[in-house]
Amino acid sequence: MASDFYEAIYELVRQIPKGKVCTYGRIAAALEKAGAARQVGYALNKCPADVPAHRVVNRLGRLTGKLHFGGQTMQALLEAEGLEIVEDQIQNFEQHIWEPLEEL
């Protein structure tokens, strides 16, 4: 069973719109757990299927979580939502950021 913090992460990630991404650190900060970016990553490694974990990237816009999706699945999912990825890097990254503290 997931912890309350993990459940809060999952609920927040479910709110990231298609075509947008958020960072591990921004999610942690929005949940008042600044510095817990790695814990956000650990939670997303074990998340339910209805959590769009592919929309969470590192602070530089790199697909650091792609290994947990197998192959190029993370990139394919993001490209299907309109993002351009080159060498595991989201192009025009700042245009695609979803800011939970501003949006919620």
PDB file of N, CA and C in Angstrom:
ATOM      1  N   MET A   1       0.840  -1.182   0.000  1.00  0.00           N
ATOM      2  CA  MET A   1       0.000   0.000   0.000  1.00  0.00           C
ATOM      3  C   MET A   1       0.890   1.252   0.000  1.00  0.00           C
ATOM      4  N   ALA A   2       0.513   2.226  -0.812  1.00  0.00           N
ATOM      5  CA  ALA A   2       1.304   3.442  -0.935  1.00  0.00           C
ATOM      6  C   ALA A   2       1.093   4.350   0.272  1.00  0.00           C
ATOM      7  N   SER A   3       2.118   5.114   0.590  1.00  0.00           N
ATOM      8  CA  SER A   3       2.017   6.070   1.695  1.00  0.00           C
ATOM      9  C   SER A   3       1.121   7.235   1.287  1.00  0.00           C
ATOM     10  N   ASP A   4       0.746   8.044   2.267  1.00  0.00           N
ATOM     11  CA  ASP A   4      -0.057   9.233   1.983  1.00  0.00           C
ATOM     12  C   ASP A   4       0.693  10.167   1.039  1.00  0.00           C
ATOM     13  N   PHE A   5       2.012  10.276   1.222  1.00  0.00           N
ATOM     14  CA  PHE A   5       2.807  11.132   0.347  1.00  0.00           C
ATOM     15  C   PHE A   5       2.775  10.608  -1.080  1.00  0.00           C
ATOM     16  N   TYR A   6       2.915   9.303  -1.251  1.00  0.00           N
ATOM     17  CA  TYR A   6       2.853   8.727  -2.596  1.00  0.00           C
ATOM     18  C   TYR A   6       1.486   8.981  -3.217  1.00  0.00           C
ATOM     19  N   GLU A   7       0.432   8.822  -2.457  1.00  0.00           N
ATOM     20  CA  GLU A   7      -0.920   9.071  -2.971  1.00  0.00           C
ATOM     21  C   GLU A   7      -1.077  10.530  -3.391  1.00  0.00           C
ATOM     22  N   ALA A   8      -0.502  11.449  -2.629  1.00  0.00           N
ATOM     23  CA  ALA A   8      -0.555  12.866  -2.986  1.00  0.00           C
ATOM     24  C   ALA A   8       0.207  13.127  -4.286  1.00  0.00           C
ATOM     25  N   ILE A   9       1.336  12.456  -4.455  1.00  0.00           N
ATOM     26  CA  ILE A   9       2.110  12.567  -5.695  1.00  0.00           C
ATOM     27  C   ILE A   9       1.256  12.095  -6.860  1.00  0.00           C
ATOM     28  N   TYR A  10       0.651  10.917  -6.714  1.00  0.00           N
ATOM     29  CA  TYR A  10      -0.150  10.357  -7.800  1.00  0.00           C
ATOM     30  C   TYR A  10      -1.294  11.288  -8.177  1.00  0.00           C
ATOM     31  N   GLU A  11      -1.955  11.851  -7.181  1.00  0.00           N
ATOM     32  CA  GLU A  11      -3.078  12.751  -7.450  1.00  0.00           C
ATOM     33  C   GLU A  11      -2.608  13.997  -8.191  1.00  0.00           C
ATOM     34  N   LEU A  12      -1.478  14.537  -7.799  1.00  0.00           N
ATOM     35  CA  LEU A  12      -0.952  15.728  -8.463  1.00  0.00           C
ATOM     36  C   LEU A  12      -0.541  15.410  -9.897  1.00  0.00           C
ATOM     37  N   VAL A  13       0.143  14.305 -10.102  1.00  0.00           N
ATOM     38  CA  VAL A  13       0.600  13.938 -11.451  1.00  0.00           C
ATOM     39  C   VAL A  13      -0.594  13.683 -12.375  1.00  0.00           C
ATOM     40  N   ARG A  14      -1.667  13.159 -11.845  1.00  0.00           N
ATOM     41  CA  ARG A  14      -2.876  12.946 -12.663  1.00  0.00           C
ATOM     42  C   ARG A  14      -3.426  14.263 -13.223  1.00  0.00           C
ATOM     43  N   GLN A  15      -3.056  15.381 -12.628  1.00  0.00           N
ATOM     44  CA  GLN A  15      -3.566  16.681 -13.057  1.00  0.00           C
ATOM     45  C   GLN A  15      -2.713  17.354 -14.135  1.00  0.00           C
ATOM     46  N   ILE A  16      -1.554  16.788 -14.442  1.00  0.00           N
ATOM     47  CA  ILE A  16      -0.700  17.368 -15.483  1.00  0.00           C
ATOM     48  C   ILE A  16      -1.409  17.182 -16.825  1.00  0.00           C
ATOM     49  N   PRO A  17      -1.690  18.272 -17.530  1.00  0.00           N
ATOM     50  CA  PRO A  17      -2.415  18.155 -18.806  1.00  0.00           C
ATOM     51  C   PRO A  17      -1.573  17.493 -19.896  1.00  0.00           C
ATOM     52  N   LYS A  18      -2.255  16.915 -20.860  1.00  0.00           N
ATOM     53  CA  LYS A  18      -1.569  16.364 -22.037  1.00  0.00           C
ATOM     54  C   LYS A  18      -0.785  17.488 -22.701  1.00  0.00           C
ATOM     55  N   GLY A  19       0.401  17.156 -23.173  1.00  0.00           N
ATOM     56  CA  GLY A  19       1.241  18.138 -23.834  1.00  0.00           C
ATOM     57  C   GLY A  19       2.060  18.993 -22.894  1.00  0.00           C
ATOM     58  N   LYS A  20       1.947  18.744 -21.598  1.00  0.00           N
ATOM     59  CA  LYS A  20       2.718  19.457 -20.591  1.00  0.00           C
ATOM     60  C   LYS A  20       3.544  18.462 -19.785  1.00  0.00           C
ATOM     61  N   VAL A  21       4.578  18.956 -19.136  1.00  0.00           N
ATOM     62  CA  VAL A  21       5.393  18.133 -18.250  1.00  0.00           C
ATOM     63  C   VAL A  21       5.645  18.906 -16.965  1.00  0.00           C
ATOM     64  N   CYS A  22       6.011  18.185 -15.946  1.00  0.00           N
ATOM     65  CA  CYS A  22       6.391  18.781 -14.672  1.00  0.00           C
ATOM     66  C   CYS A  22       7.680  18.100 -14.230  1.00  0.00           C
ATOM     67  N   THR A  23       8.364  18.710 -13.289  1.00  0.00           N
ATOM     68  CA  THR A  23       9.607  18.123 -12.799  1.00  0.00           C
ATOM     69  C   THR A  23       9.386  17.469 -11.441  1.00  0.00           C
ATOM     70  N   TYR A  24      10.282  16.562 -11.115  1.00  0.00           N
ATOM     71  CA  TYR A  24      10.222  15.896  -9.817  1.00  0.00           C
ATOM     72  C   TYR A  24      10.265  16.935  -8.691  1.00  0.00           C
ATOM     73  N   GLY A  25      11.150  17.902  -8.835  1.00  0.00           N
ATOM     74  CA  GLY A  25      11.310  18.928  -7.805  1.00  0.00           C
ATOM     75  C   GLY A  25      10.098  19.827  -7.651  1.00  0.00           C
ATOM     76  N   ARG A  26       9.471  20.194  -8.754  1.00  0.00           N
ATOM     77  CA  ARG A  26       8.273  21.038  -8.680  1.00  0.00           C
ATOM     78  C   ARG A  26       7.126  20.292  -7.996  1.00  0.00           C
ATOM     79  N   ILE A  27       7.032  19.002  -8.260  1.00  0.00           N
ATOM     80  CA  ILE A  27       5.990  18.203  -7.609  1.00  0.00           C
ATOM     81  C   ILE A  27       6.254  18.150  -6.108  1.00  0.00           C
ATOM     82  N   ALA A  28       7.503  17.885  -5.731  1.00  0.00           N
ATOM     83  CA  ALA A  28       7.848  17.846  -4.309  1.00  0.00           C
ATOM     84  C   ALA A  28       7.546  19.186  -3.639  1.00  0.00           C
ATOM     85  N   ALA A  29       7.927  20.283  -4.275  1.00  0.00           N
ATOM     86  CA  ALA A  29       7.688  21.611  -3.703  1.00  0.00           C
ATOM     87  C   ALA A  29       6.198  21.903  -3.572  1.00  0.00           C
ATOM     88  N   ALA A  30       5.420  21.508  -4.559  1.00  0.00           N
ATOM     89  CA  ALA A  30       3.971  21.746  -4.516  1.00  0.00           C
ATOM     90  C   ALA A  30       3.320  20.990  -3.366  1.00  0.00           C
ATOM     91  N   LEU A  31       3.934  19.883  -2.982  1.00  0.00           N
ATOM     92  CA  LEU A  31       3.417  19.077  -1.871  1.00  0.00           C
ATOM     93  C   LEU A  31       4.101  19.427  -0.549  1.00  0.00           C
ATOM     94  N   GLU A  32       4.787  20.568  -0.545  1.00  0.00           N
ATOM     95  CA  GLU A  32       5.478  21.075   0.639  1.00  0.00           C
ATOM     96  C   GLU A  32       6.531  20.102   1.167  1.00  0.00           C
ATOM     97  N   LYS A  33       7.221  19.467   0.234  1.00  0.00           N
ATOM     98  CA  LYS A  33       8.309  18.548   0.574  1.00  0.00           C
ATOM     99  C   LYS A  33       9.538  18.898  -0.265  1.00  0.00           C
ATOM    100  N   ALA A  34       9.893  20.174  -0.282  1.00  0.00           N
ATOM    101  CA  ALA A  34      11.066  20.607  -1.048  1.00  0.00           C
ATOM    102  C   ALA A  34      12.254  19.725  -0.688  1.00  0.00           C
ATOM    103  N   GLY A  35      12.994  19.332  -1.670  1.00  0.00           N
ATOM    104  CA  GLY A  35      14.141  18.455  -1.443  1.00  0.00           C
ATOM    105  C   GLY A  35      13.805  16.984  -1.563  1.00  0.00           C
ATOM    106  N   ALA A  36      12.560  16.665  -1.841  1.00  0.00           N
ATOM    107  CA  ALA A  36      12.136  15.261  -1.931  1.00  0.00           C
ATOM    108  C   ALA A  36      11.936  14.807  -3.379  1.00  0.00           C
ATOM    109  N   ALA A  37      12.667  15.426  -4.307  1.00  0.00           N
ATOM    110  CA  ALA A  37      12.514  15.085  -5.722  1.00  0.00           C
ATOM    111  C   ALA A  37      12.775  13.597  -5.981  1.00  0.00           C
ATOM    112  N   ARG A  38      13.797  13.062  -5.351  1.00  0.00           N
ATOM    113  CA  ARG A  38      14.086  11.633  -5.554  1.00  0.00           C
ATOM    114  C   ARG A  38      12.960  10.750  -5.048  1.00  0.00           C
ATOM    115  N   GLN A  39      12.367  11.144  -3.948  1.00  0.00           N
ATOM    116  CA  GLN A  39      11.244  10.366  -3.419  1.00  0.00           C
ATOM    117  C   GLN A  39      10.067  10.395  -4.397  1.00  0.00           C
ATOM    118  N   VAL A  40       9.873  11.522  -5.066  1.00  0.00           N
ATOM    119  CA  VAL A  40       8.836  11.597  -6.102  1.00  0.00           C
ATOM    120  C   VAL A  40       9.154  10.581  -7.197  1.00  0.00           C
ATOM    121  N   GLY A  41      10.404  10.520  -7.591  1.00  0.00           N
ATOM    122  CA  GLY A  41      10.811   9.545  -8.605  1.00  0.00           C
ATOM    123  C   GLY A  41      10.567   8.119  -8.157  1.00  0.00           C
ATOM    124  N   TYR A  42      10.908   7.808  -6.927  1.00  0.00           N
ATOM    125  CA  TYR A  42      10.675   6.456  -6.402  1.00  0.00           C
ATOM    126  C   TYR A  42       9.188   6.122  -6.428  1.00  0.00           C
ATOM    127  N   ALA A  43       8.353   7.083  -6.050  1.00  0.00           N
ATOM    128  CA  ALA A  43       6.905   6.856  -6.046  1.00  0.00           C
ATOM    129  C   ALA A  43       6.401   6.576  -7.453  1.00  0.00           C
ATOM    130  N   LEU A  44       6.910   7.311  -8.425  1.00  0.00           N
ATOM    131  CA  LEU A  44       6.436   7.129  -9.793  1.00  0.00           C
ATOM    132  C   LEU A  44       6.916   5.820 -10.403  1.00  0.00           C
ATOM    133  N   ASN A  45       7.979   5.263  -9.866  1.00  0.00           N
ATOM    134  CA  ASN A  45       8.429   3.944 -10.335  1.00  0.00           C
ATOM    135  C   ASN A  45       7.427   2.862  -9.967  1.00  0.00           C
ATOM    136  N   LYS A  46       6.574   3.132  -8.986  1.00  0.00           N
ATOM    137  CA  LYS A  46       5.626   2.132  -8.479  1.00  0.00           C
ATOM    138  C   LYS A  46       4.182   2.597  -8.638  1.00  0.00           C
ATOM    139  N   CYS A  47       3.939   3.546  -9.524  1.00  0.00           N
ATOM    140  CA  CYS A  47       2.614   4.158  -9.586  1.00  0.00           C
ATOM    141  C   CYS A  47       1.595   3.300 -10.329  1.00  0.00           C
ATOM    142  N   PRO A  48       0.311   3.523 -10.031  1.00  0.00           N
ATOM    143  CA  PRO A  48      -0.759   2.838 -10.743  1.00  0.00           C
ATOM    144  C   PRO A  48      -0.771   3.242 -12.228  1.00  0.00           C
ATOM    145  N   ALA A  49      -1.398   2.428 -13.042  1.00  0.00           N
ATOM    146  CA  ALA A  49      -1.413   2.647 -14.493  1.00  0.00           C
ATOM    147  C   ALA A  49      -2.110   3.941 -14.902  1.00  0.00           C
ATOM    148  N   ASP A  50      -3.011   4.461 -14.074  1.00  0.00           N
ATOM    149  CA  ASP A  50      -3.732   5.680 -14.450  1.00  0.00           C
ATOM    150  C   ASP A  50      -2.961   6.963 -14.128  1.00  0.00           C
ATOM    151  N   VAL A  51      -1.740   6.842 -13.667  1.00  0.00           N
ATOM    152  CA  VAL A  51      -0.901   8.001 -13.356  1.00  0.00           C
ATOM    153  C   VAL A  51       0.026   8.243 -14.554  1.00  0.00           C
ATOM    154  N   PRO A  52      -0.076   9.412 -15.205  1.00  0.00           N
ATOM    155  CA  PRO A  52       0.757   9.680 -16.386  1.00  0.00           C
ATOM    156  C   PRO A  52       2.197  10.057 -16.011  1.00  0.00           C
ATOM    157  N   ALA A  53       2.905   9.091 -15.465  1.00  0.00           N
ATOM    158  CA  ALA A  53       4.268   9.326 -14.984  1.00  0.00           C
ATOM    159  C   ALA A  53       5.212   9.761 -16.097  1.00  0.00           C
ATOM    160  N   HIS A  54       4.858   9.479 -17.347  1.00  0.00           N
ATOM    161  CA  HIS A  54       5.710   9.889 -18.471  1.00  0.00           C
ATOM    162  C   HIS A  54       5.802  11.408 -18.585  1.00  0.00           C
ATOM    163  N   ARG A  55       4.916  12.127 -17.922  1.00  0.00           N
ATOM    164  CA  ARG A  55       4.911  13.589 -17.972  1.00  0.00           C
ATOM    165  C   ARG A  55       5.790  14.225 -16.900  1.00  0.00           C
ATOM    166  N   VAL A  56       6.569  13.432 -16.203  1.00  0.00           N
ATOM    167  CA  VAL A  56       7.449  13.954 -15.153  1.00  0.00           C
ATOM    168  C   VAL A  56       8.900  13.722 -15.591  1.00  0.00           C
ATOM    169  N   VAL A  57       9.647  14.808 -15.620  1.00  0.00           N
ATOM    170  CA  VAL A  57      11.023  14.786 -16.107  1.00  0.00           C
ATOM    171  C   VAL A  57      11.941  15.484 -15.106  1.00  0.00           C
ATOM    172  N   ASN A  58      13.234  15.462 -15.376  1.00  0.00           N
ATOM    173  CA  ASN A  58      14.136  16.139 -14.440  1.00  0.00           C
ATOM    174  C   ASN A  58      14.116  17.653 -14.669  1.00  0.00           C
ATOM    175  N   ARG A  59      14.814  18.386 -13.838  1.00  0.00           N
ATOM    176  CA  ARG A  59      14.756  19.850 -13.858  1.00  0.00           C
ATOM    177  C   ARG A  59      15.287  20.468 -15.147  1.00  0.00           C
ATOM    178  N   LEU A  60      16.004  19.695 -15.947  1.00  0.00           N
ATOM    179  CA  LEU A  60      16.545  20.185 -17.213  1.00  0.00           C
ATOM    180  C   LEU A  60      15.704  19.755 -18.415  1.00  0.00           C
ATOM    181  N   GLY A  61      14.632  19.014 -18.159  1.00  0.00           N
ATOM    182  CA  GLY A  61      13.781  18.545 -19.248  1.00  0.00           C
ATOM    183  C   GLY A  61      14.258  17.258 -19.895  1.00  0.00           C
ATOM    184  N   ARG A  62      15.069  16.518 -19.164  1.00  0.00           N
ATOM    185  CA  ARG A  62      15.581  15.249 -19.692  1.00  0.00           C
ATOM    186  C   ARG A  62      14.700  14.096 -19.217  1.00  0.00           C
ATOM    187  N   LEU A  63      14.605  13.084 -20.046  1.00  0.00           N
ATOM    188  CA  LEU A  63      13.779  11.910 -19.754  1.00  0.00           C
ATOM    189  C   LEU A  63      14.545  10.917 -18.890  1.00  0.00           C
ATOM    190  N   THR A  64      14.864  11.314 -17.691  1.00  0.00           N
ATOM    191  CA  THR A  64      15.664  10.469 -16.804  1.00  0.00           C
ATOM    192  C   THR A  64      14.893   9.251 -16.313  1.00  0.00           C
ATOM    193  N   GLY A  65      13.580   9.276 -16.346  1.00  0.00           N
ATOM    194  CA  GLY A  65      12.778   8.142 -15.892  1.00  0.00           C
ATOM    195  C   GLY A  65      12.478   7.130 -16.977  1.00  0.00           C
ATOM    196  N   LYS A  66      13.023   7.320 -18.165  1.00  0.00           N
ATOM    197  CA  LYS A  66      12.651   6.474 -19.302  1.00  0.00           C
ATOM    198  C   LYS A  66      12.998   5.001 -19.113  1.00  0.00           C
ATOM    199  N   LEU A  67      13.988   4.697 -18.326  1.00  0.00           N
ATOM    200  CA  LEU A  67      14.370   3.300 -18.115  1.00  0.00           C
ATOM    201  C   LEU A  67      13.246   2.495 -17.479  1.00  0.00           C
ATOM    202  N   HIS A  68      12.402   3.161 -16.715  1.00  0.00           N
ATOM    203  CA  HIS A  68      11.315   2.480 -16.020  1.00  0.00           C
ATOM    204  C   HIS A  68      10.113   2.224 -16.924  1.00  0.00           C
ATOM    205  N   PHE A  69      10.158   2.776 -18.138  1.00  0.00           N
ATOM    206  CA  PHE A  69       9.085   2.555 -19.101  1.00  0.00           C
ATOM    207  C   PHE A  69       9.456   1.470 -20.109  1.00  0.00           C
ATOM    208  N   GLY A  70      10.726   1.160 -20.204  1.00  0.00           N
ATOM    209  CA  GLY A  70      11.194   0.173 -21.168  1.00  0.00           C
ATOM    210  C   GLY A  70      11.335   0.796 -22.544  1.00  0.00           C
ATOM    211  N   GLY A  71      12.494   0.686 -23.119  1.00  0.00           N
ATOM    212  CA  GLY A  71      12.718   1.187 -24.474  1.00  0.00           C
ATOM    213  C   GLY A  71      12.426   2.665 -24.622  1.00  0.00           C
ATOM    214  N   GLN A  72      11.711   2.996 -25.684  1.00  0.00           N
ATOM    215  CA  GLN A  72      11.414   4.386 -26.011  1.00  0.00           C
ATOM    216  C   GLN A  72       9.969   4.773 -25.685  1.00  0.00           C
ATOM    217  N   THR A  73       9.334   4.039 -24.790  1.00  0.00           N
ATOM    218  CA  THR A  73       7.918   4.269 -24.475  1.00  0.00           C
ATOM    219  C   THR A  73       7.663   5.677 -23.958  1.00  0.00           C
ATOM    220  N   MET A  74       8.469   6.159 -23.026  1.00  0.00           N
ATOM    221  CA  MET A  74       8.271   7.492 -22.463  1.00  0.00           C
ATOM    222  C   MET A  74       8.339   8.542 -23.567  1.00  0.00           C
ATOM    223  N   GLN A  75       9.349   8.437 -24.412  1.00  0.00           N
ATOM    224  CA  GLN A  75       9.499   9.391 -25.511  1.00  0.00           C
ATOM    225  C   GLN A  75       8.312   9.303 -26.459  1.00  0.00           C
ATOM    226  N   ALA A  76       7.890   8.108 -26.809  1.00  0.00           N
ATOM    227  CA  ALA A  76       6.762   7.938 -27.724  1.00  0.00           C
ATOM    228  C   ALA A  76       5.479   8.543 -27.162  1.00  0.00           C
ATOM    229  N   LEU A  77       5.245   8.359 -25.872  1.00  0.00           N
ATOM    230  CA  LEU A  77       4.051   8.924 -25.242  1.00  0.00           C
ATOM    231  C   LEU A  77       4.076  10.449 -25.277  1.00  0.00           C
ATOM    232  N   LEU A  78       5.215  11.038 -24.980  1.00  0.00           N
ATOM    233  CA  LEU A  78       5.329  12.492 -25.003  1.00  0.00           C
ATOM    234  C   LEU A  78       5.219  13.031 -26.430  1.00  0.00           C
ATOM    235  N   GLU A  79       5.827  12.358 -27.380  1.00  0.00           N
ATOM    236  CA  GLU A  79       5.732  12.801 -28.775  1.00  0.00           C
ATOM    237  C   GLU A  79       4.295  12.712 -29.280  1.00  0.00           C
ATOM    238  N   ALA A  80       3.554  11.702 -28.831  1.00  0.00           N
ATOM    239  CA  ALA A  80       2.146  11.576 -29.218  1.00  0.00           C
ATOM    240  C   ALA A  80       1.315  12.741 -28.667  1.00  0.00           C
ATOM    241  N   GLU A  81       1.814  13.392 -27.629  1.00  0.00           N
ATOM    242  CA  GLU A  81       1.137  14.551 -27.037  1.00  0.00           C
ATOM    243  C   GLU A  81       1.655  15.871 -27.615  1.00  0.00           C
ATOM    244  N   GLY A  82       2.545  15.784 -28.611  1.00  0.00           N
ATOM    245  CA  GLY A  82       3.002  16.981 -29.309  1.00  0.00           C
ATOM    246  C   GLY A  82       4.350  17.529 -28.906  1.00  0.00           C
ATOM    247  N   LEU A  83       5.057  16.872 -28.001  1.00  0.00           N
ATOM    248  CA  LEU A  83       6.373  17.347 -27.601  1.00  0.00           C
ATOM    249  C   LEU A  83       7.430  16.793 -28.546  1.00  0.00           C
ATOM    250  N   GLU A  84       8.464  17.570 -28.762  1.00  0.00           N
ATOM    251  CA  GLU A  84       9.591  17.120 -29.572  1.00  0.00           C
ATOM    252  C   GLU A  84      10.723  16.734 -28.631  1.00  0.00           C
ATOM    253  N   ILE A  85      11.269  15.539 -28.841  1.00  0.00           N
ATOM    254  CA  ILE A  85      12.353  15.027 -28.005  1.00  0.00           C
ATOM    255  C   ILE A  85      13.558  14.747 -28.898  1.00  0.00           C
ATOM    256  N   VAL A  86      14.712  15.250 -28.516  1.00  0.00           N
ATOM    257  CA  VAL A  86      15.953  14.965 -29.235  1.00  0.00           C
ATOM    258  C   VAL A  86      16.974  14.507 -28.206  1.00  0.00           C
ATOM    259  N   GLU A  87      17.483  13.294 -28.388  1.00  0.00           N
ATOM    260  CA  GLU A  87      18.478  12.722 -27.486  1.00  0.00           C
ATOM    261  C   GLU A  87      18.035  12.819 -26.025  1.00  0.00           C
ATOM    262  N   ASP A  88      16.817  12.380 -25.756  1.00  0.00           N
ATOM    263  CA  ASP A  88      16.232  12.342 -24.410  1.00  0.00           C
ATOM    264  C   ASP A  88      16.006  13.712 -23.787  1.00  0.00           C
ATOM    265  N   GLN A  89      16.021  14.756 -24.584  1.00  0.00           N
ATOM    266  CA  GLN A  89      15.835  16.132 -24.111  1.00  0.00           C
ATOM    267  C   GLN A  89      14.589  16.726 -24.753  1.00  0.00           C
ATOM    268  N   ILE A  90      13.681  17.266 -23.927  1.00  0.00           N
ATOM    269  CA  ILE A  90      12.507  17.948 -24.452  1.00  0.00           C
ATOM    270  C   ILE A  90      12.950  19.266 -25.068  1.00  0.00           C
ATOM    271  N   GLN A  91      12.581  19.468 -26.313  1.00  0.00           N
ATOM    272  CA  GLN A  91      12.908  20.712 -27.002  1.00  0.00           C
ATOM    273  C   GLN A  91      11.931  21.804 -26.557  1.00  0.00           C
ATOM    274  N   ASN A  92      12.418  23.034 -26.454  1.00  0.00           N
ATOM    275  CA  ASN A  92      11.601  24.151 -25.981  1.00  0.00           C
ATOM    276  C   ASN A  92      10.961  23.807 -24.638  1.00  0.00           C
ATOM    277  N   PHE A  93      11.751  23.253 -23.776  1.00  0.00           N
ATOM    278  CA  PHE A  93      11.295  22.730 -22.487  1.00  0.00           C
ATOM    279  C   PHE A  93      10.430  23.715 -21.712  1.00  0.00           C
ATOM    280  N   GLU A  94      10.860  24.952 -21.588  1.00  0.00           N
ATOM    281  CA  GLU A  94      10.139  25.939 -20.773  1.00  0.00           C
ATOM    282  C   GLU A  94       8.718  26.192 -21.277  1.00  0.00           C
ATOM    283  N   GLN A  95       8.476  25.977 -22.558  1.00  0.00           N
ATOM    284  CA  GLN A  95       7.127  26.167 -23.117  1.00  0.00           C
ATOM    285  C   GLN A  95       6.170  25.052 -22.710  1.00  0.00           C
ATOM    286  N   HIS A  96       6.708  23.948 -22.241  1.00  0.00           N
ATOM    287  CA  HIS A  96       5.893  22.775 -21.925  1.00  0.00           C
ATOM    288  C   HIS A  96       5.747  22.516 -20.429  1.00  0.00           C
ATOM    289  N   ILE A  97       6.338  23.383 -19.606  1.00  0.00           N
ATOM    290  CA  ILE A  97       6.296  23.179 -18.148  1.00  0.00           C
ATOM    291  C   ILE A  97       4.910  23.475 -17.601  1.00  0.00           C
ATOM    292  N   TRP A  98       4.454  22.588 -16.756  1.00  0.00           N
ATOM    293  CA  TRP A  98       3.221  22.798 -15.987  1.00  0.00           C
ATOM    294  C   TRP A  98       3.668  23.128 -14.568  1.00  0.00           C
ATOM    295  N   GLU A  99       3.231  24.274 -14.074  1.00  0.00           N
ATOM    296  CA  GLU A  99       3.608  24.743 -12.739  1.00  0.00           C
ATOM    297  C   GLU A  99       2.456  24.459 -11.763  1.00  0.00           C
ATOM    298  N   PRO A 100       2.557  23.415 -10.968  1.00  0.00           N
ATOM    299  CA  PRO A 100       1.442  23.085 -10.067  1.00  0.00           C
ATOM    300  C   PRO A 100       1.096  24.192  -9.080  1.00  0.00           C
ATOM    301  N   LEU A 101       2.069  24.941  -8.614  1.00  0.00           N
ATOM    302  CA  LEU A 101       1.785  26.003  -7.645  1.00  0.00           C
ATOM    303  C   LEU A 101       1.022  27.165  -8.285  1.00  0.00           C
ATOM    304  N   GLU A 102       1.138  27.319  -9.598  1.00  0.00           N
ATOM    305  CA  GLU A 102       0.414  28.380 -10.301  1.00  0.00           C
ATOM    306  C   GLU A 102      -0.922  27.888 -10.844  1.00  0.00           C
ATOM    307  N   GLU A 103      -0.985  26.620 -11.195  1.00  0.00           N
ATOM    308  CA  GLU A 103      -2.171  26.064 -11.852  1.00  0.00           C
ATOM    309  C   GLU A 103      -3.254  25.595 -10.885  1.00  0.00           C
ATOM    310  N   LEU A 104      -2.865  25.280  -9.663  1.00  0.00           N
ATOM    311  CA  LEU A 104      -3.848  24.740  -8.717  1.00  0.00           C
ATOM    312  C   LEU A 104      -4.344  25.777  -7.742  1.00  0.00           C
TER     313      LEU A 104
END
